Amino acid sequence: MSDLVTVGVAAQTAALVIASLLLAYPLVAYGRYVAHTGGLALLTAALVATTASHVAFSVFEFGVVSAALDLAGALSLAAATWTFARPFVRFDDAGRVADVSDDLGASAPDEPTGGFERAEE
């Protein structure tokens, strides 16, 4: 049974390392061509921190280091989520999240506001 657990941990570690590299490579090699570079960099940091946490706990048995890396990964993931969600969150004058349920029915304007309609002007 111990050999099966070792194989499983090795497979998880390999999958995490490969996923981290596959996510980090486009940011490093083609960073200026990648959309939402800041959000993807934070997502990459979260995945790299999770990978390092897994390696620290399963290979080196560093529990405190693993917990610190888990915290760093969680904070990076929260920051990445906020980076992607920020354009869609509206605040009212008091600084609270605005209720946009009334805006759902009025999302389509009566007349087009942009596009090729006024291309001749």
N, C-alpha and C. Protein backbone atom coordinates (compact mmCIF):
# COMPACT_ATOMS: atom_id res chain seq x y z
N MET A 1 0.81 -1.19 0.00
CA MET A 1 0.00 0.00 0.00
C MET A 1 0.85 1.25 0.00
N SER A 2 1.98 1.21 0.67
CA SER A 2 2.86 2.36 0.74
C SER A 2 3.41 2.72 -0.64
N ASP A 3 3.68 1.70 -1.46
CA ASP A 3 4.18 1.97 -2.80
C ASP A 3 3.12 2.67 -3.65
N LEU A 4 1.86 2.29 -3.47
CA LEU A 4 0.78 2.93 -4.22
C LEU A 4 0.62 4.39 -3.82
N VAL A 5 0.78 4.67 -2.54
CA VAL A 5 0.71 6.06 -2.06
C VAL A 5 1.88 6.86 -2.61
N THR A 6 3.06 6.29 -2.63
CA THR A 6 4.23 6.96 -3.17
C THR A 6 4.04 7.28 -4.65
N VAL A 7 3.49 6.35 -5.40
CA VAL A 7 3.24 6.58 -6.82
C VAL A 7 2.19 7.69 -6.99
N GLY A 8 1.17 7.68 -6.16
CA GLY A 8 0.15 8.72 -6.23
C GLY A 8 0.70 10.10 -5.93
N VAL A 9 1.52 10.21 -4.90
CA VAL A 9 2.13 11.49 -4.54
C VAL A 9 3.07 11.95 -5.65
N ALA A 10 3.81 11.03 -6.23
CA ALA A 10 4.71 11.40 -7.33
C ALA A 10 3.91 11.88 -8.55
N ALA A 11 2.79 11.23 -8.83
CA ALA A 11 1.95 11.65 -9.95
C ALA A 11 1.34 13.02 -9.69
N GLN A 12 0.88 13.26 -8.47
CA GLN A 12 0.33 14.57 -8.13
C GLN A 12 1.39 15.66 -8.24
N THR A 13 2.57 15.37 -7.76
CA THR A 13 3.66 16.33 -7.82
C THR A 13 4.01 16.65 -9.27
N ALA A 14 4.12 15.61 -10.09
CA ALA A 14 4.44 15.82 -11.51
C ALA A 14 3.35 16.63 -12.20
N ALA A 15 2.10 16.32 -11.91
CA ALA A 15 0.99 17.06 -12.54
C ALA A 15 1.00 18.52 -12.12
N LEU A 16 1.26 18.81 -10.86
CA LEU A 16 1.32 20.19 -10.39
C LEU A 16 2.49 20.96 -11.00
N VAL A 17 3.63 20.31 -11.09
CA VAL A 17 4.79 20.98 -11.69
C VAL A 17 4.55 21.26 -13.17
N ILE A 18 4.00 20.29 -13.89
CA ILE A 18 3.71 20.48 -15.32
C ILE A 18 2.67 21.58 -15.51
N ALA A 19 1.62 21.58 -14.71
CA ALA A 19 0.59 22.62 -14.83
C ALA A 19 1.17 24.00 -14.52
N SER A 20 2.03 24.09 -13.53
CA SER A 20 2.66 25.37 -13.19
C SER A 20 3.52 25.87 -14.35
N LEU A 21 4.30 24.97 -14.93
CA LEU A 21 5.14 25.37 -16.05
C LEU A 21 4.32 25.76 -17.27
N LEU A 22 3.26 25.02 -17.54
CA LEU A 22 2.41 25.33 -18.69
C LEU A 22 1.68 26.66 -18.52
N LEU A 23 1.37 27.03 -17.31
CA LEU A 23 0.72 28.31 -17.06
C LEU A 23 1.72 29.45 -17.04
N ALA A 24 2.93 29.19 -16.55
CA ALA A 24 3.94 30.25 -16.44
C ALA A 24 4.63 30.54 -17.76
N TYR A 25 4.78 29.56 -18.62
CA TYR A 25 5.54 29.74 -19.86
C TYR A 25 4.99 30.86 -20.75
N PRO A 26 3.69 30.90 -21.04
CA PRO A 26 3.20 32.00 -21.90
C PRO A 26 3.39 33.38 -21.27
N LEU A 27 3.30 33.46 -19.96
CA LEU A 27 3.51 34.75 -19.30
C LEU A 27 4.95 35.22 -19.41
N VAL A 28 5.88 34.28 -19.33
CA VAL A 28 7.29 34.65 -19.40
C VAL A 28 7.70 34.89 -20.84
N ALA A 29 7.32 34.00 -21.74
CA ALA A 29 7.77 34.09 -23.12
C ALA A 29 7.01 35.13 -23.93
N TYR A 30 5.69 35.25 -23.71
CA TYR A 30 4.87 36.14 -24.53
C TYR A 30 4.03 37.06 -23.66
N GLY A 31 4.59 37.58 -22.61
CA GLY A 31 3.85 38.37 -21.64
C GLY A 31 3.14 39.58 -22.21
N ARG A 32 3.75 40.25 -23.16
CA ARG A 32 3.11 41.45 -23.69
C ARG A 32 1.96 41.14 -24.64
N TYR A 33 1.84 39.89 -25.07
CA TYR A 33 0.75 39.49 -25.96
C TYR A 33 -0.40 38.81 -25.23
N VAL A 34 -0.22 38.54 -23.95
CA VAL A 34 -1.22 37.82 -23.17
C VAL A 34 -2.21 38.82 -22.58
N ALA A 35 -3.49 38.55 -22.78
CA ALA A 35 -4.52 39.41 -22.20
C ALA A 35 -4.61 39.16 -20.70
N HIS A 36 -4.93 40.18 -19.94
CA HIS A 36 -5.08 40.10 -18.48
C HIS A 36 -3.82 39.54 -17.83
N THR A 37 -2.70 40.12 -18.17
CA THR A 37 -1.41 39.61 -17.68
C THR A 37 -1.33 39.62 -16.15
N GLY A 38 -1.83 40.67 -15.53
CA GLY A 38 -1.76 40.76 -14.07
C GLY A 38 -2.56 39.67 -13.39
N GLY A 39 -3.78 39.42 -13.86
CA GLY A 39 -4.61 38.37 -13.28
C GLY A 39 -4.02 36.99 -13.50
N LEU A 40 -3.50 36.75 -14.70
CA LEU A 40 -2.87 35.45 -14.96
C LEU A 40 -1.58 35.27 -14.18
N ALA A 41 -0.85 36.35 -13.96
CA ALA A 41 0.36 36.25 -13.13
C ALA A 41 -0.01 35.88 -11.70
N LEU A 42 -1.09 36.45 -11.19
CA LEU A 42 -1.53 36.09 -9.83
C LEU A 42 -2.03 34.65 -9.78
N LEU A 43 -2.73 34.21 -10.81
CA LEU A 43 -3.15 32.80 -10.86
C LEU A 43 -1.95 31.87 -10.92
N THR A 44 -0.95 32.25 -11.71
CA THR A 44 0.27 31.45 -11.79
C THR A 44 0.98 31.41 -10.44
N ALA A 45 1.04 32.54 -9.76
CA ALA A 45 1.66 32.58 -8.44
C ALA A 45 0.92 31.68 -7.46
N ALA A 46 -0.42 31.66 -7.56
CA ALA A 46 -1.20 30.79 -6.68
C ALA A 46 -0.90 29.32 -6.96
N LEU A 47 -0.82 28.96 -8.23
CA LEU A 47 -0.54 27.56 -8.57
C LEU A 47 0.89 27.17 -8.19
N VAL A 48 1.83 28.06 -8.39
CA VAL A 48 3.22 27.77 -8.01
C VAL A 48 3.32 27.64 -6.49
N ALA A 49 2.63 28.48 -5.74
CA ALA A 49 2.65 28.38 -4.28
C ALA A 49 2.01 27.07 -3.82
N THR A 50 0.93 26.66 -4.49
CA THR A 50 0.30 25.39 -4.14
C THR A 50 1.22 24.22 -4.46
N THR A 51 1.91 24.30 -5.58
CA THR A 51 2.87 23.25 -5.94
C THR A 51 4.01 23.18 -4.93
N ALA A 52 4.55 24.33 -4.57
CA ALA A 52 5.63 24.36 -3.59
C ALA A 52 5.16 23.86 -2.23
N SER A 53 3.92 24.17 -1.87
CA SER A 53 3.36 23.68 -0.62
C SER A 53 3.24 22.16 -0.63
N HIS A 54 2.78 21.63 -1.75
CA HIS A 54 2.66 20.17 -1.87
C HIS A 54 4.03 19.50 -1.76
N VAL A 55 5.02 20.07 -2.42
CA VAL A 55 6.38 19.49 -2.36
C VAL A 55 6.94 19.63 -0.95
N ALA A 56 6.74 20.78 -0.32
CA ALA A 56 7.28 20.99 1.03
C ALA A 56 6.67 20.03 2.03
N PHE A 57 5.38 19.73 1.87
CA PHE A 57 4.73 18.85 2.84
C PHE A 57 4.98 17.37 2.53
N SER A 58 4.83 16.98 1.27
CA SER A 58 4.89 15.55 0.96
C SER A 58 6.32 15.02 0.81
N VAL A 59 7.24 15.85 0.34
CA VAL A 59 8.60 15.38 0.12
C VAL A 59 9.49 15.68 1.32
N PHE A 60 9.45 16.94 1.79
CA PHE A 60 10.36 17.34 2.86
C PHE A 60 9.72 17.35 4.24
N GLU A 61 8.40 17.17 4.31
CA GLU A 61 7.65 17.14 5.57
C GLU A 61 7.83 18.43 6.39
N PHE A 62 7.81 19.56 5.70
CA PHE A 62 7.87 20.87 6.36
C PHE A 62 6.46 21.39 6.51
N GLY A 63 5.83 21.13 7.66
CA GLY A 63 4.45 21.49 7.86
C GLY A 63 4.20 22.99 7.94
N VAL A 64 5.08 23.72 8.63
CA VAL A 64 4.89 25.16 8.81
C VAL A 64 5.13 25.88 7.48
N VAL A 65 6.14 25.47 6.75
CA VAL A 65 6.43 26.06 5.45
C VAL A 65 5.27 25.79 4.50
N SER A 66 4.74 24.58 4.54
CA SER A 66 3.61 24.22 3.69
C SER A 66 2.39 25.08 4.01
N ALA A 67 2.13 25.31 5.28
CA ALA A 67 0.99 26.14 5.67
C ALA A 67 1.19 27.59 5.22
N ALA A 68 2.40 28.11 5.32
CA ALA A 68 2.67 29.47 4.86
C ALA A 68 2.50 29.58 3.35
N LEU A 69 2.93 28.57 2.62
CA LEU A 69 2.76 28.58 1.17
C LEU A 69 1.29 28.43 0.78
N ASP A 70 0.53 27.65 1.55
CA ASP A 70 -0.92 27.56 1.31
C ASP A 70 -1.58 28.92 1.50
N LEU A 71 -1.19 29.64 2.53
CA LEU A 71 -1.73 30.98 2.76
C LEU A 71 -1.37 31.92 1.61
N ALA A 72 -0.12 31.86 1.17
CA ALA A 72 0.30 32.71 0.05
C ALA A 72 -0.48 32.37 -1.22
N GLY A 73 -0.70 31.08 -1.45
CA GLY A 73 -1.48 30.68 -2.61
C GLY A 73 -2.92 31.13 -2.54
N ALA A 74 -3.51 31.04 -1.35
CA ALA A 74 -4.90 31.47 -1.18
C ALA A 74 -5.03 32.98 -1.37
N LEU A 75 -4.09 33.75 -0.85
CA LEU A 75 -4.13 35.20 -1.03
C LEU A 75 -3.91 35.58 -2.49
N SER A 76 -3.02 34.88 -3.17
CA SER A 76 -2.81 35.14 -4.60
C SER A 76 -4.06 34.81 -5.40
N LEU A 77 -4.72 33.73 -5.06
CA LEU A 77 -5.94 33.35 -5.76
C LEU A 77 -7.05 34.37 -5.51
N ALA A 78 -7.16 34.86 -4.28
CA ALA A 78 -8.16 35.88 -3.98
C ALA A 78 -7.87 37.17 -4.74
N ALA A 79 -6.61 37.55 -4.82
CA ALA A 79 -6.25 38.76 -5.57
C ALA A 79 -6.51 38.58 -7.07
N ALA A 80 -6.24 37.39 -7.59
CA ALA A 80 -6.50 37.12 -9.01
C ALA A 80 -8.00 37.15 -9.29
N THR A 81 -8.79 36.60 -8.40
CA THR A 81 -10.24 36.62 -8.57
C THR A 81 -10.75 38.06 -8.56
N TRP A 82 -10.24 38.88 -7.65
CA TRP A 82 -10.65 40.27 -7.60
C TRP A 82 -10.21 41.01 -8.88
N THR A 83 -9.03 40.69 -9.39
CA THR A 83 -8.55 41.33 -10.61
C THR A 83 -9.49 41.06 -11.78
N PHE A 84 -9.98 39.82 -11.88
CA PHE A 84 -10.89 39.49 -12.97
C PHE A 84 -12.31 39.99 -12.71
N ALA A 85 -12.73 40.09 -11.46
CA ALA A 85 -14.11 40.48 -11.14
C ALA A 85 -14.28 41.99 -11.03
N ARG A 86 -13.22 42.73 -10.80
CA ARG A 86 -13.30 44.16 -10.54
C ARG A 86 -14.09 44.94 -11.59
N PRO A 87 -13.96 44.68 -12.90
CA PRO A 87 -14.75 45.46 -13.86
C PRO A 87 -16.26 45.23 -13.76
N PHE A 88 -16.68 44.16 -13.13
CA PHE A 88 -18.10 43.83 -13.07
C PHE A 88 -18.75 44.16 -11.73
N VAL A 89 -17.98 44.70 -10.79
CA VAL A 89 -18.51 45.04 -9.47
C VAL A 89 -18.71 46.55 -9.40
N ARG A 90 -19.91 46.95 -8.98
CA ARG A 90 -20.23 48.37 -8.85
C ARG A 90 -20.48 48.69 -7.38
N PHE A 91 -20.02 49.87 -6.97
CA PHE A 91 -20.22 50.33 -5.61
C PHE A 91 -21.15 51.53 -5.60
N ASP A 92 -21.95 51.65 -4.53
CA ASP A 92 -22.81 52.83 -4.40
C ASP A 92 -22.03 53.95 -3.70
N ASP A 93 -22.72 55.04 -3.38
CA ASP A 93 -22.05 56.19 -2.78
C ASP A 93 -21.51 55.91 -1.38
N ALA A 94 -22.10 54.95 -0.68
CA ALA A 94 -21.65 54.63 0.68
C ALA A 94 -20.50 53.62 0.68
N GLY A 95 -20.06 53.17 -0.48
CA GLY A 95 -18.96 52.23 -0.55
C GLY A 95 -19.38 50.78 -0.47
N ARG A 96 -20.70 50.53 -0.48
CA ARG A 96 -21.18 49.15 -0.46
C ARG A 96 -21.38 48.68 -1.89
N VAL A 97 -21.42 47.36 -2.05
CA VAL A 97 -21.67 46.80 -3.38
C VAL A 97 -23.08 47.17 -3.79
N ALA A 98 -23.22 47.77 -4.96
CA ALA A 98 -24.51 48.26 -5.43
C ALA A 98 -25.39 47.10 -5.87
N ASP A 99 -26.69 47.26 -5.70
CA ASP A 99 -27.65 46.26 -6.15
C ASP A 99 -27.90 46.51 -7.63
N VAL A 100 -27.50 45.56 -8.45
CA VAL A 100 -27.65 45.72 -9.90
C VAL A 100 -28.76 44.83 -10.45
N SER A 101 -29.61 44.30 -9.58
CA SER A 101 -30.67 43.43 -10.06
C SER A 101 -31.67 44.21 -10.91
N ASP A 102 -31.85 45.51 -10.65
CA ASP A 102 -32.74 46.32 -11.47
C ASP A 102 -32.17 46.58 -12.85
N ASP A 103 -30.83 46.52 -12.98
CA ASP A 103 -30.19 46.79 -14.26
C ASP A 103 -30.27 45.62 -15.22
N LEU A 104 -30.66 44.45 -14.75
CA LEU A 104 -30.64 43.27 -15.62
C LEU A 104 -31.63 43.39 -16.77
N GLY A 105 -32.80 43.95 -16.51
CA GLY A 105 -33.79 44.09 -17.57
C GLY A 105 -33.47 45.21 -18.54
N ALA A 106 -32.69 46.16 -18.10
CA ALA A 106 -32.39 47.33 -18.93
C ALA A 106 -31.00 47.24 -19.55
N SER A 107 -30.50 46.03 -19.73
CA SER A 107 -29.14 45.91 -20.25
C SER A 107 -29.06 46.18 -21.74
N ALA A 108 -30.16 45.99 -22.49
CA ALA A 108 -30.13 46.25 -23.93
C ALA A 108 -30.70 47.64 -24.20
N PRO A 109 -29.90 48.55 -24.75
CA PRO A 109 -30.41 49.88 -25.05
C PRO A 109 -31.39 49.85 -26.22
N ASP A 110 -32.27 50.88 -26.27
CA ASP A 110 -33.24 50.95 -27.35
C ASP A 110 -32.58 51.21 -28.69
N GLU A 111 -31.57 52.05 -28.69
CA GLU A 111 -30.87 52.35 -29.93
C GLU A 111 -29.41 51.96 -29.76
N PRO A 112 -28.80 51.49 -30.84
CA PRO A 112 -27.39 51.13 -30.74
C PRO A 112 -26.53 52.35 -30.41
N THR A 113 -25.52 52.13 -29.59
CA THR A 113 -24.67 53.25 -29.17
C THR A 113 -23.30 53.22 -29.81
N GLY A 114 -23.00 52.21 -30.57
CA GLY A 114 -21.67 52.14 -31.18
C GLY A 114 -21.69 51.15 -32.32
N GLY A 115 -20.57 50.90 -32.88
CA GLY A 115 -20.48 49.94 -33.96
C GLY A 115 -20.29 50.64 -35.29
N PHE A 116 -20.79 50.04 -36.35
CA PHE A 116 -20.56 50.55 -37.68
C PHE A 116 -21.72 51.42 -38.20
N GLU A 117 -22.72 51.72 -37.37
CA GLU A 117 -23.84 52.51 -37.83
C GLU A 117 -23.41 53.89 -38.30
N ARG A 118 -22.47 54.50 -37.58
CA ARG A 118 -22.03 55.85 -37.90
C ARG A 118 -20.67 55.87 -38.58
N ALA A 119 -20.38 54.83 -39.33
CA ALA A 119 -19.06 54.75 -39.97
C ALA A 119 -18.89 55.80 -41.06
N GLU A 120 -19.98 56.27 -41.64
CA GLU A 120 -19.88 57.24 -42.72
C GLU A 120 -19.63 58.64 -42.21
N GLU A 121 -19.86 58.90 -40.95
CA GLU A 121 -19.72 60.25 -40.39
C GLU A 121 -18.28 60.70 -40.31
